[in-house]
N, C-alpha and C. Protein backbone atom coordinates (compact mmCIF):
# COMPACT_ATOMS: atom_id res chain seq x y z
N MET A 1 25.96 5.13 3.66
CA MET A 1 24.74 5.65 4.55
C MET A 1 24.34 7.03 3.89
N ALA A 2 23.07 7.22 3.76
CA ALA A 2 22.50 8.47 3.07
C ALA A 2 22.58 9.63 4.15
N GLY A 3 23.00 10.80 3.72
CA GLY A 3 22.98 12.04 4.50
C GLY A 3 21.84 12.80 4.26
N VAL A 4 21.78 14.04 4.93
CA VAL A 4 20.78 15.06 4.80
C VAL A 4 20.79 15.56 3.41
N LYS A 5 21.91 15.65 2.77
CA LYS A 5 21.94 16.10 1.40
C LYS A 5 21.21 15.19 0.32
N ASP A 6 21.01 14.00 0.69
CA ASP A 6 20.34 13.01 -0.01
C ASP A 6 18.82 13.00 0.08
N LEU A 7 18.33 13.79 1.13
CA LEU A 7 16.80 13.85 1.35
C LEU A 7 16.22 14.66 0.34
N SER A 8 14.89 14.32 -0.10
CA SER A 8 14.14 15.33 -0.73
C SER A 8 13.55 16.47 0.30
N LEU A 9 13.16 17.35 -0.31
CA LEU A 9 12.49 18.57 0.55
C LEU A 9 11.46 18.06 1.42
N ASP A 10 10.51 17.19 0.82
CA ASP A 10 9.33 16.58 1.55
C ASP A 10 9.99 15.79 2.71
N ASP A 11 10.87 15.05 2.58
CA ASP A 11 11.48 14.13 3.50
C ASP A 11 12.13 14.95 4.56
N LEU A 12 12.73 15.89 4.22
CA LEU A 12 13.42 16.85 5.26
C LEU A 12 12.40 17.52 6.14
N GLU A 13 11.45 18.10 5.46
CA GLU A 13 10.31 18.76 6.16
C GLU A 13 9.75 17.80 7.19
N HIS A 14 9.41 16.53 6.83
CA HIS A 14 8.78 15.43 7.58
C HIS A 14 9.76 15.16 8.73
N LEU A 15 11.03 14.97 8.43
CA LEU A 15 11.97 14.69 9.59
C LEU A 15 11.95 15.91 10.60
N ILE A 16 12.05 17.08 10.16
CA ILE A 16 11.95 18.30 11.03
C ILE A 16 10.57 18.19 11.87
N GLU A 17 9.53 18.14 11.23
CA GLU A 17 8.30 18.05 11.91
C GLU A 17 8.18 16.96 13.04
N GLN A 18 8.71 15.82 12.68
CA GLN A 18 8.83 14.68 13.65
C GLN A 18 9.67 15.04 14.78
N LYS A 19 10.70 15.61 14.64
CA LYS A 19 11.49 16.01 15.76
C LYS A 19 11.09 17.13 16.58
N VAL A 20 10.30 18.12 15.97
CA VAL A 20 9.80 19.15 16.71
C VAL A 20 8.51 18.56 17.65
N LEU A 21 7.78 17.59 17.04
CA LEU A 21 6.73 16.93 17.75
C LEU A 21 7.24 16.02 18.98
N GLU A 22 8.51 15.48 18.66
CA GLU A 22 9.10 14.63 19.54
C GLU A 22 9.54 15.54 20.79
N MET A 23 9.98 16.83 20.59
CA MET A 23 10.63 17.56 21.66
C MET A 23 9.48 18.24 22.41
N LEU A 24 8.47 18.87 21.52
CA LEU A 24 7.30 19.60 22.28
C LEU A 24 6.08 18.85 22.57
N GLY A 25 5.88 17.67 21.89
CA GLY A 25 4.57 17.07 21.99
C GLY A 25 3.69 17.58 21.02
N ASP A 26 2.58 16.81 20.75
CA ASP A 26 1.44 17.21 19.95
C ASP A 26 0.51 18.07 20.71
N PRO A 27 0.29 19.31 20.30
CA PRO A 27 -0.67 20.21 21.11
C PRO A 27 -2.10 19.85 20.98
N ASP A 28 -2.36 18.95 19.92
CA ASP A 28 -3.84 18.58 19.71
C ASP A 28 -3.99 17.26 20.32
N SER A 29 -3.13 16.62 20.88
CA SER A 29 -3.26 15.40 21.49
C SER A 29 -4.34 15.30 22.41
N GLY A 30 -5.23 14.22 22.33
CA GLY A 30 -6.39 14.24 23.33
C GLY A 30 -7.58 15.01 23.02
N LEU A 31 -7.36 15.97 22.02
CA LEU A 31 -8.56 16.83 21.75
C LEU A 31 -9.57 15.99 20.82
N GLU A 32 -10.82 16.36 20.93
CA GLU A 32 -11.80 15.69 19.95
C GLU A 32 -12.50 16.75 19.15
N LEU A 33 -13.10 16.33 18.00
CA LEU A 33 -13.69 17.22 16.90
C LEU A 33 -15.15 17.41 17.50
N ARG A 34 -15.58 18.63 17.44
CA ARG A 34 -17.04 18.82 17.80
C ARG A 34 -17.82 18.19 16.78
N GLU A 35 -18.95 17.69 17.13
CA GLU A 35 -19.94 17.06 16.13
C GLU A 35 -20.37 18.00 14.93
N GLU A 36 -20.55 19.24 15.26
CA GLU A 36 -20.89 20.24 14.24
C GLU A 36 -19.83 20.26 13.10
N PHE A 37 -18.62 20.34 13.62
CA PHE A 37 -17.38 20.38 12.74
C PHE A 37 -17.28 19.10 11.89
N LYS A 38 -17.59 17.99 12.52
CA LYS A 38 -17.47 16.62 11.85
C LYS A 38 -18.55 16.63 10.63
N ARG A 39 -19.79 17.04 11.03
CA ARG A 39 -20.85 17.21 9.88
C ARG A 39 -20.42 18.08 8.88
N GLU A 40 -19.94 19.39 9.03
CA GLU A 40 -19.49 20.27 8.19
C GLU A 40 -18.39 19.69 7.21
N LEU A 41 -17.58 18.91 7.86
CA LEU A 41 -16.41 18.36 7.13
C LEU A 41 -16.95 17.19 6.08
N GLU A 42 -17.91 16.47 6.67
CA GLU A 42 -18.42 15.43 5.79
C GLU A 42 -19.20 15.91 4.84
N GLU A 43 -19.88 16.98 4.88
CA GLU A 43 -20.60 17.65 3.71
C GLU A 43 -19.68 18.16 2.71
N ARG A 44 -18.58 18.86 3.19
CA ARG A 44 -17.62 19.40 2.21
C ARG A 44 -16.92 18.36 1.41
N LEU A 45 -16.67 17.23 2.02
CA LEU A 45 -15.94 16.09 1.50
C LEU A 45 -16.87 15.47 0.40
N ALA A 46 -18.14 15.42 0.63
CA ALA A 46 -19.20 14.86 -0.15
C ALA A 46 -19.35 15.64 -1.60
N LYS A 47 -19.08 17.08 -1.43
CA LYS A 47 -19.20 17.88 -2.73
C LYS A 47 -18.00 17.68 -3.59
N PRO A 48 -18.18 17.82 -4.85
CA PRO A 48 -17.08 17.77 -5.73
C PRO A 48 -16.08 19.01 -5.52
N SER A 49 -14.93 18.86 -5.78
CA SER A 49 -13.94 19.81 -5.60
C SER A 49 -14.06 21.03 -6.77
N LYS A 50 -14.05 22.19 -6.42
CA LYS A 50 -14.11 23.42 -7.32
C LYS A 50 -12.77 23.96 -7.66
N ARG A 51 -11.71 23.13 -7.28
CA ARG A 51 -10.35 23.53 -7.50
C ARG A 51 -10.08 23.33 -8.91
N VAL A 52 -9.25 24.17 -9.49
CA VAL A 52 -8.83 24.00 -10.89
C VAL A 52 -7.38 23.93 -10.92
N PRO A 53 -6.76 22.88 -11.52
CA PRO A 53 -5.25 22.73 -11.41
C PRO A 53 -4.60 23.97 -11.94
N GLN A 54 -3.36 24.18 -11.45
CA GLN A 54 -2.49 25.36 -11.94
C GLN A 54 -2.41 25.18 -13.45
N ARG A 55 -2.02 23.97 -13.87
CA ARG A 55 -1.61 23.81 -15.37
C ARG A 55 -2.70 24.12 -16.13
N GLU A 56 -4.13 23.88 -15.80
CA GLU A 56 -5.25 24.15 -16.47
C GLU A 56 -5.38 25.63 -16.54
N VAL A 57 -5.16 26.39 -15.46
CA VAL A 57 -5.30 27.95 -15.28
C VAL A 57 -4.37 28.52 -16.37
N LEU A 58 -3.10 27.94 -16.25
CA LEU A 58 -2.02 28.45 -17.12
C LEU A 58 -2.33 28.41 -18.63
N ASN A 59 -2.93 27.19 -18.92
CA ASN A 59 -3.37 26.86 -20.26
C ASN A 59 -4.48 27.80 -20.74
N ARG A 60 -5.44 27.94 -19.96
CA ARG A 60 -6.53 28.88 -20.33
C ARG A 60 -6.21 30.35 -20.60
N PHE A 61 -5.13 30.84 -19.86
CA PHE A 61 -4.69 32.27 -20.02
C PHE A 61 -3.51 32.27 -20.97
N GLY A 62 -3.13 31.29 -21.70
CA GLY A 62 -1.95 31.26 -22.67
C GLY A 62 -0.63 31.28 -22.15
N HIS A 63 -0.42 30.90 -20.89
CA HIS A 63 0.99 30.83 -20.42
C HIS A 63 1.53 29.40 -20.43
N ASP A 64 2.71 29.23 -20.62
CA ASP A 64 3.47 27.95 -20.61
C ASP A 64 3.74 27.57 -19.13
């Protein structure tokens, strides 16, 4: 049987989050997004990302 020591950091964080939600409940449960927010989100998702990966930034500035 696997123990906590065998979990990845992501798995451990997920487990903790699930336990907190189990104990406290989801504070956003039952809430709905405003139409204005939905439109803005759709517009942002339709535009290409302007993010530059960390590796590319390091390569541009000569760091390994």
